[in-house]
Amino acid sequence: DPEKNVPRLYWLSFALVTSIYLVLALISTGA
């Protein structure tokens, strides 16, 4: 069911990856 699951997969993974990079940026700034 790619029409439904591909956009859902990309948005969820985008949110996860962005969150990881934001945490990494905060740690780098503090250090």
mmCIF file of all heavy atoms, coordinates in Angstrom:
data_MODEL
# 
_entry.id   MODEL 
# 
loop_
_atom_site.group_PDB 
_atom_site.id 
_atom_site.type_symbol 
_atom_site.label_atom_id 
_atom_site.label_alt_id 
_atom_site.label_comp_id 
_atom_site.label_asym_id 
_atom_site.label_entity_id 
_atom_site.label_seq_id 
_atom_site.pdbx_PDB_ins_code 
_atom_site.Cartn_x 
_atom_site.Cartn_y 
_atom_site.Cartn_z 
_atom_site.occupancy 
_atom_site.B_iso_or_equiv 
_atom_site.pdbx_formal_charge 
_atom_site.auth_seq_id 
_atom_site.auth_comp_id 
_atom_site.auth_asym_id 
_atom_site.auth_atom_id 
_atom_site.pdbx_PDB_model_num 
ATOM 1   N N   . ASP A 1 1  ? 0.841  -1.197 0.000  1.00 0.00 ? 1  ASP A N   1 
ATOM 2   C CA  . ASP A 1 1  ? 0.000  0.000  0.000  1.00 0.00 ? 1  ASP A CA  1 
ATOM 3   C C   . ASP A 1 1  ? 0.881  1.254  0.000  1.00 0.00 ? 1  ASP A C   1 
ATOM 4   O O   . ASP A 1 1  ? 0.822  2.082  0.930  1.00 0.00 ? 1  ASP A O   1 
ATOM 5   C CB  . ASP A 1 1  ? -0.920 0.001  1.223  1.00 0.00 ? 1  ASP A CB  1 
ATOM 6   C CG  . ASP A 1 1  ? -2.041 1.024  1.082  1.00 0.00 ? 1  ASP A CG  1 
ATOM 7   O OD1 . ASP A 1 1  ? -2.179 1.616  -0.012 1.00 0.00 ? 1  ASP A OD1 1 
ATOM 8   O OD2 . ASP A 1 1  ? -2.763 1.255  2.070  1.00 0.00 ? 1  ASP A OD2 1 
ATOM 9   N N   . PRO A 1 2  ? 1.738  1.425  -1.022 1.00 0.00 ? 2  PRO A N   1 
ATOM 10  C CA  . PRO A 1 2  ? 2.717  2.523  -1.012 1.00 0.00 ? 2  PRO A CA  1 
ATOM 11  C C   . PRO A 1 2  ? 2.087  3.907  -0.999 1.00 0.00 ? 2  PRO A C   1 
ATOM 12  O O   . PRO A 1 2  ? 2.672  4.840  -0.450 1.00 0.00 ? 2  PRO A O   1 
ATOM 13  C CB  . PRO A 1 2  ? 3.529  2.287  -2.285 1.00 0.00 ? 2  PRO A CB  1 
ATOM 14  C CG  . PRO A 1 2  ? 2.641  1.486  -3.170 1.00 0.00 ? 2  PRO A CG  1 
ATOM 15  C CD  . PRO A 1 2  ? 1.814  0.629  -2.259 1.00 0.00 ? 2  PRO A CD  1 
ATOM 16  N N   . GLU A 1 3  ? 0.904  4.074  -1.616 1.00 0.00 ? 3  GLU A N   1 
ATOM 17  C CA  . GLU A 1 3  ? 0.288  5.402  -1.649 1.00 0.00 ? 3  GLU A CA  1 
ATOM 18  C C   . GLU A 1 3  ? 0.047  5.945  -0.251 1.00 0.00 ? 3  GLU A C   1 
ATOM 19  O O   . GLU A 1 3  ? 0.153  7.146  -0.006 1.00 0.00 ? 3  GLU A O   1 
ATOM 20  C CB  . GLU A 1 3  ? -1.045 5.360  -2.425 1.00 0.00 ? 3  GLU A CB  1 
ATOM 21  C CG  . GLU A 1 3  ? -0.895 5.114  -3.917 1.00 0.00 ? 3  GLU A CG  1 
ATOM 22  C CD  . GLU A 1 3  ? -0.688 3.645  -4.238 1.00 0.00 ? 3  GLU A CD  1 
ATOM 23  O OE1 . GLU A 1 3  ? -0.765 2.830  -3.298 1.00 0.00 ? 3  GLU A OE1 1 
ATOM 24  O OE2 . GLU A 1 3  ? -0.443 3.321  -5.414 1.00 0.00 ? 3  GLU A OE2 1 
ATOM 25  N N   . LYS A 1 4  ? -0.252 5.068  0.687  1.00 0.00 ? 4  LYS A N   1 
ATOM 26  C CA  . LYS A 1 4  ? -0.533 5.500  2.049  1.00 0.00 ? 4  LYS A CA  1 
ATOM 27  C C   . LYS A 1 4  ? 0.699  5.403  2.945  1.00 0.00 ? 4  LYS A C   1 
ATOM 28  O O   . LYS A 1 4  ? 0.982  6.311  3.741  1.00 0.00 ? 4  LYS A O   1 
ATOM 29  C CB  . LYS A 1 4  ? -1.651 4.632  2.648  1.00 0.00 ? 4  LYS A CB  1 
ATOM 30  C CG  . LYS A 1 4  ? -2.050 5.025  4.062  1.00 0.00 ? 4  LYS A CG  1 
ATOM 31  C CD  . LYS A 1 4  ? -3.004 4.000  4.670  1.00 0.00 ? 4  LYS A CD  1 
ATOM 32  C CE  . LYS A 1 4  ? -4.270 3.911  3.844  1.00 0.00 ? 4  LYS A CE  1 
ATOM 33  N NZ  . LYS A 1 4  ? -5.243 2.950  4.457  1.00 0.00 ? 4  LYS A NZ  1 
ATOM 34  N N   . ASN A 1 5  ? 1.463  4.320  2.815  1.00 0.00 ? 5  ASN A N   1 
ATOM 35  C CA  . ASN A 1 5  ? 2.545  4.048  3.767  1.00 0.00 ? 5  ASN A CA  1 
ATOM 36  C C   . ASN A 1 5  ? 3.839  4.791  3.463  1.00 0.00 ? 5  ASN A C   1 
ATOM 37  O O   . ASN A 1 5  ? 4.595  5.095  4.387  1.00 0.00 ? 5  ASN A O   1 
ATOM 38  C CB  . ASN A 1 5  ? 2.822  2.540  3.815  1.00 0.00 ? 5  ASN A CB  1 
ATOM 39  C CG  . ASN A 1 5  ? 1.676  1.782  4.455  1.00 0.00 ? 5  ASN A CG  1 
ATOM 40  O OD1 . ASN A 1 5  ? 1.040  2.277  5.378  1.00 0.00 ? 5  ASN A OD1 1 
ATOM 41  N ND2 . ASN A 1 5  ? 1.403  0.581  3.967  1.00 0.00 ? 5  ASN A ND2 1 
ATOM 42  N N   . VAL A 1 6  ? 4.122  5.080  2.187  1.00 0.00 ? 6  VAL A N   1 
ATOM 43  C CA  . VAL A 1 6  ? 5.372  5.786  1.861  1.00 0.00 ? 6  VAL A CA  1 
ATOM 44  C C   . VAL A 1 6  ? 5.388  7.198  2.437  1.00 0.00 ? 6  VAL A C   1 
ATOM 45  O O   . VAL A 1 6  ? 6.357  7.580  3.112  1.00 0.00 ? 6  VAL A O   1 
ATOM 46  C CB  . VAL A 1 6  ? 5.615  5.792  0.337  1.00 0.00 ? 6  VAL A CB  1 
ATOM 47  C CG1 . VAL A 1 6  ? 6.750  6.742  -0.018 1.00 0.00 ? 6  VAL A CG1 1 
ATOM 48  C CG2 . VAL A 1 6  ? 5.943  4.391  -0.149 1.00 0.00 ? 6  VAL A CG2 1 
ATOM 49  N N   . PRO A 1 7  ? 4.354  8.024  2.231  1.00 0.00 ? 7  PRO A N   1 
ATOM 50  C CA  . PRO A 1 7  ? 4.370  9.351  2.873  1.00 0.00 ? 7  PRO A CA  1 
ATOM 51  C C   . PRO A 1 7  ? 4.415  9.264  4.391  1.00 0.00 ? 7  PRO A C   1 
ATOM 52  O O   . PRO A 1 7  ? 5.127  10.057 5.041  1.00 0.00 ? 7  PRO A O   1 
ATOM 53  C CB  . PRO A 1 7  ? 3.057  9.990  2.387  1.00 0.00 ? 7  PRO A CB  1 
ATOM 54  C CG  . PRO A 1 7  ? 2.721  9.275  1.127  1.00 0.00 ? 7  PRO A CG  1 
ATOM 55  C CD  . PRO A 1 7  ? 3.188  7.875  1.339  1.00 0.00 ? 7  PRO A CD  1 
ATOM 56  N N   . ARG A 1 8  ? 3.684  8.326  4.965  1.00 0.00 ? 8  ARG A N   1 
ATOM 57  C CA  . ARG A 1 8  ? 3.706  8.165  6.423  1.00 0.00 ? 8  ARG A CA  1 
ATOM 58  C C   . ARG A 1 8  ? 5.097  7.790  6.910  1.00 0.00 ? 8  ARG A C   1 
ATOM 59  O O   . ARG A 1 8  ? 5.598  8.326  7.908  1.00 0.00 ? 8  ARG A O   1 
ATOM 60  C CB  . ARG A 1 8  ? 2.698  7.076  6.816  1.00 0.00 ? 8  ARG A CB  1 
ATOM 61  C CG  . ARG A 1 8  ? 2.580  6.838  8.306  1.00 0.00 ? 8  ARG A CG  1 
ATOM 62  C CD  . ARG A 1 8  ? 1.640  5.673  8.573  1.00 0.00 ? 8  ARG A CD  1 
ATOM 63  N NE  . ARG A 1 8  ? 0.318  5.927  8.005  1.00 0.00 ? 8  ARG A NE  1 
ATOM 64  C CZ  . ARG A 1 8  ? -0.636 4.995  7.941  1.00 0.00 ? 8  ARG A CZ  1 
ATOM 65  N NH1 . ARG A 1 8  ? -0.386 3.757  8.349  1.00 0.00 ? 8  ARG A NH1 1 
ATOM 66  N NH2 . ARG A 1 8  ? -1.812 5.303  7.439  1.00 0.00 ? 8  ARG A NH2 1 
ATOM 67  N N   . LEU A 1 9  ? 5.758  6.884  6.176  1.00 0.00 ? 9  LEU A N   1 
ATOM 68  C CA  . LEU A 1 9  ? 7.108  6.447  6.547  1.00 0.00 ? 9  LEU A CA  1 
ATOM 69  C C   . LEU A 1 9  ? 8.105  7.598  6.482  1.00 0.00 ? 9  LEU A C   1 
ATOM 70  O O   . LEU A 1 9  ? 8.924  7.781  7.389  1.00 0.00 ? 9  LEU A O   1 
ATOM 71  C CB  . LEU A 1 9  ? 7.538  5.314  5.613  1.00 0.00 ? 9  LEU A CB  1 
ATOM 72  C CG  . LEU A 1 9  ? 8.955  4.761  5.786  1.00 0.00 ? 9  LEU A CG  1 
ATOM 73  C CD1 . LEU A 1 9  ? 9.084  4.084  7.142  1.00 0.00 ? 9  LEU A CD1 1 
ATOM 74  C CD2 . LEU A 1 9  ? 9.270  3.772  4.680  1.00 0.00 ? 9  LEU A CD2 1 
ATOM 75  N N   . TYR A 1 10 ? 8.008  8.399  5.428  1.00 0.00 ? 10 TYR A N   1 
ATOM 76  C CA  . TYR A 1 10 ? 8.945  9.518  5.279  1.00 0.00 ? 10 TYR A CA  1 
ATOM 77  C C   . TYR A 1 10 ? 8.727  10.585 6.345  1.00 0.00 ? 10 TYR A C   1 
ATOM 78  O O   . TYR A 1 10 ? 9.689  11.129 6.900  1.00 0.00 ? 10 TYR A O   1 
ATOM 79  C CB  . TYR A 1 10 ? 8.817  10.134 3.883  1.00 0.00 ? 10 TYR A CB  1 
ATOM 80  C CG  . TYR A 1 10 ? 9.803  9.557  2.907  1.00 0.00 ? 10 TYR A CG  1 
ATOM 81  C CD1 . TYR A 1 10 ? 9.416  8.630  1.945  1.00 0.00 ? 10 TYR A CD1 1 
ATOM 82  C CD2 . TYR A 1 10 ? 11.139 9.922  2.946  1.00 0.00 ? 10 TYR A CD2 1 
ATOM 83  C CE1 . TYR A 1 10 ? 10.318 8.094  1.055  1.00 0.00 ? 10 TYR A CE1 1 
ATOM 84  C CE2 . TYR A 1 10 ? 12.057 9.394  2.057  1.00 0.00 ? 10 TYR A CE2 1 
ATOM 85  C CZ  . TYR A 1 10 ? 11.642 8.484  1.116  1.00 0.00 ? 10 TYR A CZ  1 
ATOM 86  O OH  . TYR A 1 10 ? 12.548 7.950  0.249  1.00 0.00 ? 10 TYR A OH  1 
ATOM 87  N N   . TRP A 1 11 ? 7.493  10.910 6.651  1.00 0.00 ? 11 TRP A N   1 
ATOM 88  C CA  . TRP A 1 11 ? 7.248  11.952 7.654  1.00 0.00 ? 11 TRP A CA  1 
ATOM 89  C C   . TRP A 1 11 ? 7.679  11.502 9.045  1.00 0.00 ? 11 TRP A C   1 
ATOM 90  O O   . TRP A 1 11 ? 8.270  12.279 9.813  1.00 0.00 ? 11 TRP A O   1 
ATOM 91  C CB  . TRP A 1 11 ? 5.773  12.348 7.655  1.00 0.00 ? 11 TRP A CB  1 
ATOM 92  C CG  . TRP A 1 11 ? 5.411  13.309 6.560  1.00 0.00 ? 11 TRP A CG  1 
ATOM 93  C CD1 . TRP A 1 11 ? 4.598  13.080 5.492  1.00 0.00 ? 11 TRP A CD1 1 
ATOM 94  C CD2 . TRP A 1 11 ? 5.884  14.647 6.402  1.00 0.00 ? 11 TRP A CD2 1 
ATOM 95  N NE1 . TRP A 1 11 ? 4.533  14.183 4.687  1.00 0.00 ? 11 TRP A NE1 1 
ATOM 96  C CE2 . TRP A 1 11 ? 5.298  15.167 5.222  1.00 0.00 ? 11 TRP A CE2 1 
ATOM 97  C CE3 . TRP A 1 11 ? 6.742  15.463 7.149  1.00 0.00 ? 11 TRP A CE3 1 
ATOM 98  C CZ2 . TRP A 1 11 ? 5.552  16.464 4.780  1.00 0.00 ? 11 TRP A CZ2 1 
ATOM 99  C CZ3 . TRP A 1 11 ? 6.989  16.759 6.708  1.00 0.00 ? 11 TRP A CZ3 1 
ATOM 100 C CH2 . TRP A 1 11 ? 6.398  17.248 5.539  1.00 0.00 ? 11 TRP A CH2 1 
ATOM 101 N N   . LEU A 1 12 ? 7.410  10.242 9.393  1.00 0.00 ? 12 LEU A N   1 
ATOM 102 C CA  . LEU A 1 12 ? 7.823  9.739  10.709 1.00 0.00 ? 12 LEU A CA  1 
ATOM 103 C C   . LEU A 1 12 ? 9.347  9.692  10.820 1.00 0.00 ? 12 LEU A C   1 
ATOM 104 O O   . LEU A 1 12 ? 9.924  10.091 11.839 1.00 0.00 ? 12 LEU A O   1 
ATOM 105 C CB  . LEU A 1 12 ? 7.225  8.347  10.949 1.00 0.00 ? 12 LEU A CB  1 
ATOM 106 C CG  . LEU A 1 12 ? 5.712  8.290  11.183 1.00 0.00 ? 12 LEU A CG  1 
ATOM 107 C CD1 . LEU A 1 12 ? 5.243  6.839  11.272 1.00 0.00 ? 12 LEU A CD1 1 
ATOM 108 C CD2 . LEU A 1 12 ? 5.328  9.043  12.452 1.00 0.00 ? 12 LEU A CD2 1 
ATOM 109 N N   . SER A 1 13 ? 10.006 9.200  9.766  1.00 0.00 ? 13 SER A N   1 
ATOM 110 C CA  . SER A 1 13 ? 11.465 9.125  9.806  1.00 0.00 ? 13 SER A CA  1 
ATOM 111 C C   . SER A 1 13 ? 12.084 10.523 9.791  1.00 0.00 ? 13 SER A C   1 
ATOM 112 O O   . SER A 1 13 ? 13.108 10.762 10.438 1.00 0.00 ? 13 SER A O   1 
ATOM 113 C CB  . SER A 1 13 ? 11.985 8.306  8.632  1.00 0.00 ? 13 SER A CB  1 
ATOM 114 O OG  . SER A 1 13 ? 11.589 8.893  7.408  1.00 0.00 ? 13 SER A OG  1 
ATOM 115 N N   . PHE A 1 14 ? 11.455 11.453 9.065  1.00 0.00 ? 14 PHE A N   1 
ATOM 116 C CA  . PHE A 1 14 ? 11.958 12.822 9.035  1.00 0.00 ? 14 PHE A CA  1 
ATOM 117 C C   . PHE A 1 14 ? 11.898 13.441 10.434 1.00 0.00 ? 14 PHE A C   1 
ATOM 118 O O   . PHE A 1 14 ? 12.837 14.113 10.877 1.00 0.00 ? 14 PHE A O   1 
ATOM 119 C CB  . PHE A 1 14 ? 11.133 13.653 8.056  1.00 0.00 ? 14 PHE A CB  1 
ATOM 120 C CG  . PHE A 1 14 ? 11.581 15.087 7.965  1.00 0.00 ? 14 PHE A CG  1 
ATOM 121 C CD1 . PHE A 1 14 ? 12.721 15.434 7.263  1.00 0.00 ? 14 PHE A CD1 1 
ATOM 122 C CD2 . PHE A 1 14 ? 10.851 16.091 8.591  1.00 0.00 ? 14 PHE A CD2 1 
ATOM 123 C CE1 . PHE A 1 14 ? 13.132 16.752 7.180  1.00 0.00 ? 14 PHE A CE1 1 
ATOM 124 C CE2 . PHE A 1 14 ? 11.260 17.408 8.509  1.00 0.00 ? 14 PHE A CE2 1 
ATOM 125 C CZ  . PHE A 1 14 ? 12.394 17.743 7.807  1.00 0.00 ? 14 PHE A CZ  1 
ATOM 126 N N   . ALA A 1 15 ? 10.783 13.205 11.138 1.00 0.00 ? 15 ALA A N   1 
ATOM 127 C CA  . ALA A 1 15 ? 10.657 13.735 12.500 1.00 0.00 ? 15 ALA A CA  1 
ATOM 128 C C   . ALA A 1 15 ? 11.699 13.110 13.425 1.00 0.00 ? 15 ALA A C   1 
ATOM 129 O O   . ALA A 1 15 ? 12.304 13.801 14.258 1.00 0.00 ? 15 ALA A O   1 
ATOM 130 C CB  . ALA A 1 15 ? 9.247  13.476 13.026 1.00 0.00 ? 15 ALA A CB  1 
ATOM 131 N N   . LEU A 1 16 ? 11.945 11.801 13.277 1.00 0.00 ? 16 LEU A N   1 
ATOM 132 C CA  . LEU A 1 16 ? 12.911 11.114 14.124 1.00 0.00 ? 16 LEU A CA  1 
ATOM 133 C C   . LEU A 1 16 ? 14.330 11.622 13.857 1.00 0.00 ? 16 LEU A C   1 
ATOM 134 O O   . LEU A 1 16 ? 15.073 11.946 14.796 1.00 0.00 ? 16 LEU A O   1 
ATOM 135 C CB  . LEU A 1 16 ? 12.836 9.602  13.882 1.00 0.00 ? 16 LEU A CB  1 
ATOM 136 C CG  . LEU A 1 16 ? 13.852 8.736  14.627 1.00 0.00 ? 16 LEU A CG  1 
ATOM 137 C CD1 . LEU A 1 16 ? 13.669 8.883  16.128 1.00 0.00 ? 16 LEU A CD1 1 
ATOM 138 C CD2 . LEU A 1 16 ? 13.733 7.277  14.205 1.00 0.00 ? 16 LEU A CD2 1 
ATOM 139 N N   . VAL A 1 17 ? 14.711 11.701 12.576 1.00 0.00 ? 17 VAL A N   1 
ATOM 140 C CA  . VAL A 1 17 ? 16.061 12.144 12.226 1.00 0.00 ? 17 VAL A CA  1 
ATOM 141 C C   . VAL A 1 17 ? 16.289 13.594 12.659 1.00 0.00 ? 17 VAL A C   1 
ATOM 142 O O   . VAL A 1 17 ? 17.351 13.950 13.194 1.00 0.00 ? 17 VAL A O   1 
ATOM 143 C CB  . VAL A 1 17 ? 16.298 11.987 10.709 1.00 0.00 ? 17 VAL A CB  1 
ATOM 144 C CG1 . VAL A 1 17 ? 17.611 12.615 10.289 1.00 0.00 ? 17 VAL A CG1 1 
ATOM 145 C CG2 . VAL A 1 17 ? 16.287 10.510 10.327 1.00 0.00 ? 17 VAL A CG2 1 
ATOM 146 N N   . THR A 1 18 ? 15.295 14.435 12.442 1.00 0.00 ? 18 THR A N   1 
ATOM 147 C CA  . THR A 1 18 ? 15.419 15.840 12.842 1.00 0.00 ? 18 THR A CA  1 
ATOM 148 C C   . THR A 1 18 ? 15.581 15.970 14.346 1.00 0.00 ? 18 THR A C   1 
ATOM 149 O O   . THR A 1 18 ? 16.385 16.783 14.842 1.00 0.00 ? 18 THR A O   1 
ATOM 150 C CB  . THR A 1 18 ? 14.187 16.631 12.374 1.00 0.00 ? 18 THR A CB  1 
ATOM 151 O OG1 . THR A 1 18 ? 14.032 16.485 10.964 1.00 0.00 ? 18 THR A OG1 1 
ATOM 152 C CG2 . THR A 1 18 ? 14.331 18.109 12.708 1.00 0.00 ? 18 THR A CG2 1 
ATOM 153 N N   . SER A 1 19 ? 14.840 15.174 15.099 1.00 0.00 ? 19 SER A N   1 
ATOM 154 C CA  . SER A 1 19 ? 14.948 15.216 16.562 1.00 0.00 ? 19 SER A CA  1 
ATOM 155 C C   . SER A 1 19 ? 16.345 14.818 17.023 1.00 0.00 ? 19 SER A C   1 
ATOM 156 O O   . SER A 1 19 ? 16.922 15.449 17.923 1.00 0.00 ? 19 SER A O   1 
ATOM 157 C CB  . SER A 1 19 ? 13.909 14.282 17.187 1.00 0.00 ? 19 SER A CB  1 
ATOM 158 O OG  . SER A 1 19 ? 12.601 14.662 16.822 1.00 0.00 ? 19 SER A OG  1 
ATOM 159 N N   . ILE A 1 20 ? 16.906 13.787 16.398 1.00 0.00 ? 20 ILE A N   1 
ATOM 160 C CA  . ILE A 1 20 ? 18.255 13.339 16.768 1.00 0.00 ? 20 ILE A CA  1 
ATOM 161 C C   . ILE A 1 20 ? 19.275 14.445 16.492 1.00 0.00 ? 20 ILE A C   1 
ATOM 162 O O   . ILE A 1 20 ? 20.158 14.724 17.309 1.00 0.00 ? 20 ILE A O   1 
ATOM 163 C CB  . ILE A 1 20 ? 18.617 12.053 16.000 1.00 0.00 ? 20 ILE A CB  1 
ATOM 164 C CG1 . ILE A 1 20 ? 17.730 10.897 16.474 1.00 0.00 ? 20 ILE A CG1 1 
ATOM 165 C CG2 . ILE A 1 20 ? 20.090 11.707 16.179 1.00 0.00 ? 20 ILE A CG2 1 
ATOM 166 C CD1 . ILE A 1 20 ? 17.907 9.629  15.681 1.00 0.00 ? 20 ILE A CD1 1 
ATOM 167 N N   . TYR A 1 21 ? 19.152 15.107 15.341 1.00 0.00 ? 21 TYR A N   1 
ATOM 168 C CA  . TYR A 1 21 ? 20.105 16.167 14.994 1.00 0.00 ? 21 TYR A CA  1 
ATOM 169 C C   . TYR A 1 21 ? 19.949 17.382 15.900 1.00 0.00 ? 21 TYR A C   1 
ATOM 170 O O   . TYR A 1 21 ? 20.938 18.056 16.221 1.00 0.00 ? 21 TYR A O   1 
ATOM 171 C CB  . TYR A 1 21 ? 19.936 16.561 13.529 1.00 0.00 ? 21 TYR A CB  1 
ATOM 172 C CG  . TYR A 1 21 ? 20.739 15.707 12.587 1.00 0.00 ? 21 TYR A CG  1 
ATOM 173 C CD1 . TYR A 1 21 ? 20.214 14.544 12.057 1.00 0.00 ? 21 TYR A CD1 1 
ATOM 174 C CD2 . TYR A 1 21 ? 22.040 16.052 12.238 1.00 0.00 ? 21 TYR A CD2 1 
ATOM 175 C CE1 . TYR A 1 21 ? 20.948 13.746 11.210 1.00 0.00 ? 21 TYR A CE1 1 
ATOM 176 C CE2 . TYR A 1 21 ? 22.794 15.266 11.392 1.00 0.00 ? 21 TYR A CE2 1 
ATOM 177 C CZ  . TYR A 1 21 ? 22.237 14.106 10.876 1.00 0.00 ? 21 TYR A CZ  1 
ATOM 178 O OH  . TYR A 1 21 ? 22.972 13.316 10.039 1.00 0.00 ? 21 TYR A OH  1 
ATOM 179 N N   . LEU A 1 22 ? 18.726 17.689 16.316 1.00 0.00 ? 22 LEU A N   1 
ATOM 180 C CA  . LEU A 1 22 ? 18.524 18.808 17.234 1.00 0.00 ? 22 LEU A CA  1 
ATOM 181 C C   . LEU A 1 22 ? 19.176 18.520 18.586 1.00 0.00 ? 22 LEU A C   1 
ATOM 182 O O   . LEU A 1 22 ? 19.815 19.396 19.176 1.00 0.00 ? 22 LEU A O   1 
ATOM 183 C CB  . LEU A 1 22 ? 17.024 19.080 17.408 1.00 0.00 ? 22 LEU A CB  1 
ATOM 184 C CG  . LEU A 1 22 ? 16.322 19.751 16.222 1.00 0.00 ? 22 LEU A CG  1 
ATOM 185 C CD1 . LEU A 1 22 ? 14.819 19.834 16.472 1.00 0.00 ? 22 LEU A CD1 1 
ATOM 186 C CD2 . LEU A 1 22 ? 16.900 21.141 15.978 1.00 0.00 ? 22 LEU A CD2 1 
ATOM 187 N N   . VAL A 1 23 ? 19.010 17.299 19.078 1.00 0.00 ? 23 VAL A N   1 
ATOM 188 C CA  . VAL A 1 23 ? 19.647 16.919 20.346 1.00 0.00 ? 23 VAL A CA  1 
ATOM 189 C C   . VAL A 1 23 ? 21.162 16.993 20.217 1.00 0.00 ? 23 VAL A C   1 
ATOM 190 O O   . VAL A 1 23 ? 21.868 17.503 21.108 1.00 0.00 ? 23 VAL A O   1 
ATOM 191 C CB  . VAL A 1 23 ? 19.203 15.500 20.760 1.00 0.00 ? 23 VAL A CB  1 
ATOM 192 C CG1 . VAL A 1 23 ? 20.016 15.012 21.957 1.00 0.00 ? 23 VAL A CG1 1 
ATOM 193 C CG2 . VAL A 1 23 ? 17.723 15.484 21.097 1.00 0.00 ? 23 VAL A CG2 1 
ATOM 194 N N   . LEU A 1 24 ? 21.688 16.514 19.085 1.00 0.00 ? 24 LEU A N   1 
ATOM 195 C CA  . LEU A 1 24 ? 23.132 16.559 18.850 1.00 0.00 ? 24 LEU A CA  1 
ATOM 196 C C   . LEU A 1 24 ? 23.634 18.005 18.784 1.00 0.00 ? 24 LEU A C   1 
ATOM 197 O O   . LEU A 1 24 ? 24.709 18.333 19.294 1.00 0.00 ? 24 LEU A O   1 
ATOM 198 C CB  . LEU A 1 24 ? 23.464 15.824 17.555 1.00 0.00 ? 24 LEU A CB  1 
ATOM 199 C CG  . LEU A 1 24 ? 24.947 15.667 17.206 1.00 0.00 ? 24 LEU A CG  1 
ATOM 200 C CD1 . LEU A 1 24 ? 25.666 14.880 18.285 1.00 0.00 ? 24 LEU A CD1 1 
ATOM 201 C CD2 . LEU A 1 24 ? 25.099 14.981 15.849 1.00 0.00 ? 24 LEU A CD2 1 
ATOM 202 N N   . ALA A 1 25 ? 22.849 18.883 18.156 1.00 0.00 ? 25 ALA A N   1 
ATOM 203 C CA  . ALA A 1 25 ? 23.232 20.294 18.068 1.00 0.00 ? 25 ALA A CA  1 
ATOM 204 C C   . ALA A 1 25 ? 23.256 20.943 19.449 1.00 0.00 ? 25 ALA A C   1 
ATOM 205 O O   . ALA A 1 25 ? 24.169 21.727 19.767 1.00 0.00 ? 25 ALA A O   1 
ATOM 206 C CB  . ALA A 1 25 ? 22.261 21.033 17.147 1.00 0.00 ? 25 ALA A CB  1 
ATOM 207 N N   . LEU A 1 26 ? 22.280 20.623 20.299 1.00 0.00 ? 26 LEU A N   1 
ATOM 208 C CA  . LEU A 1 26 ? 22.246 21.175 21.657 1.00 0.00 ? 26 LEU A CA  1 
ATOM 209 C C   . LEU A 1 26 ? 23.439 20.687 22.476 1.00 0.00 ? 26 LEU A C   1 
ATOM 210 O O   . LEU A 1 26 ? 24.067 21.458 23.218 1.00 0.00 ? 26 LEU A O   1 
ATOM 211 C CB  . LEU A 1 26 ? 20.932 20.794 22.337 1.00 0.00 ? 26 LEU A CB  1 
ATOM 212 C CG  . LEU A 1 26 ? 19.667 21.454 21.775 1.00 0.00 ? 26 LEU A CG  1 
ATOM 213 C CD1 . LEU A 1 26 ? 18.425 20.871 22.427 1.00 0.00 ? 26 LEU A CD1 1 
ATOM 214 C CD2 . LEU A 1 26 ? 19.714 22.959 21.969 1.00 0.00 ? 26 LEU A CD2 1 
ATOM 215 N N   . ILE A 1 27 ? 23.766 19.406 22.346 1.00 0.00 ? 27 ILE A N   1 
ATOM 216 C CA  . ILE A 1 27 ? 24.922 18.854 23.066 1.00 0.00 ? 27 ILE A CA  1 
ATOM 217 C C   . ILE A 1 27 ? 26.209 19.522 22.600 1.00 0.00 ? 27 ILE A C   1 
ATOM 218 O O   . ILE A 1 27 ? 27.079 19.882 23.402 1.00 0.00 ? 27 ILE A O   1 
ATOM 219 C CB  . ILE A 1 27 ? 24.994 17.326 22.868 1.00 0.00 ? 27 ILE A CB  1 
ATOM 220 C CG1 . ILE A 1 27 ? 23.791 16.654 23.530 1.00 0.00 ? 27 ILE A CG1 1 
ATOM 221 C CG2 . ILE A 1 27 ? 26.295 16.765 23.439 1.00 0.00 ? 27 ILE A CG2 1 
ATOM 222 C CD1 . ILE A 1 27 ? 23.695 15.170 23.265 1.00 0.00 ? 27 ILE A CD1 1 
ATOM 223 N N   . SER A 1 28 ? 26.350 19.698 21.289 1.00 0.00 ? 28 SER A N   1 
ATOM 224 C CA  . SER A 1 28 ? 27.557 20.328 20.746 1.00 0.00 ? 28 SER A CA  1 
ATOM 225 C C   . SER A 1 28 ? 27.676 21.770 21.230 1.00 0.00 ? 28 SER A C   1 
ATOM 226 O O   . SER A 1 28 ? 28.778 22.234 21.576 1.00 0.00 ? 28 SER A O   1 
ATOM 227 C CB  . SER A 1 28 ? 27.514 20.299 19.217 1.00 0.00 ? 28 SER A CB  1 
ATOM 228 O OG  . SER A 1 28 ? 27.404 18.970 18.749 1.00 0.00 ? 28 SER A OG  1 
ATOM 229 N N   . THR A 1 29 ? 26.561 22.494 21.255 1.00 0.00 ? 29 THR A N   1 
ATOM 230 C CA  . THR A 1 29 ? 26.584 23.883 21.717 1.00 0.00 ? 29 THR A CA  1 
ATOM 231 C C   . THR A 1 29 ? 26.991 23.965 23.187 1.00 0.00 ? 29 THR A C   1 
ATOM 232 O O   . THR A 1 29 ? 27.825 24.790 23.574 1.00 0.00 ? 29 THR A O   1 
ATOM 233 C CB  . THR A 1 29 ? 25.202 24.523 21.519 1.00 0.00 ? 29 THR A CB  1 
ATOM 234 O OG1 . THR A 1 29 ? 24.837 24.430 20.134 1.00 0.00 ? 29 THR A OG1 1 
ATOM 235 C CG2 . THR A 1 29 ? 25.218 25.978 21.932 1.00 0.00 ? 29 THR A CG2 1 
ATOM 236 N N   . GLY A 1 30 ? 26.406 23.086 24.003 1.00 0.00 ? 30 GLY A N   1 
ATOM 237 C CA  . GLY A 1 30 ? 26.759 23.077 25.423 1.00 0.00 ? 30 GLY A CA  1 
ATOM 238 C C   . GLY A 1 30 ? 28.215 22.733 25.659 1.00 0.00 ? 30 GLY A C   1 
ATOM 239 O O   . GLY A 1 30 ? 28.890 23.347 26.501 1.00 0.00 ? 30 GLY A O   1 
ATOM 240 N N   . ALA A 1 31 ? 28.733 21.771 24.904 1.00 0.00 ? 31 ALA A N   1 
ATOM 241 C CA  . ALA A 1 31 ? 30.135 21.379 25.060 1.00 0.00 ? 31 ALA A CA  1 
ATOM 242 C C   . ALA A 1 31 ? 31.061 22.501 24.628 1.00 0.00 ? 31 ALA A C   1 
ATOM 243 O O   . ALA A 1 31 ? 32.110 22.743 25.241 1.00 0.00 ? 31 ALA A O   1 
ATOM 244 C CB  . ALA A 1 31 ? 30.408 20.117 24.254 1.00 0.00 ? 31 ALA A CB  1 
# 
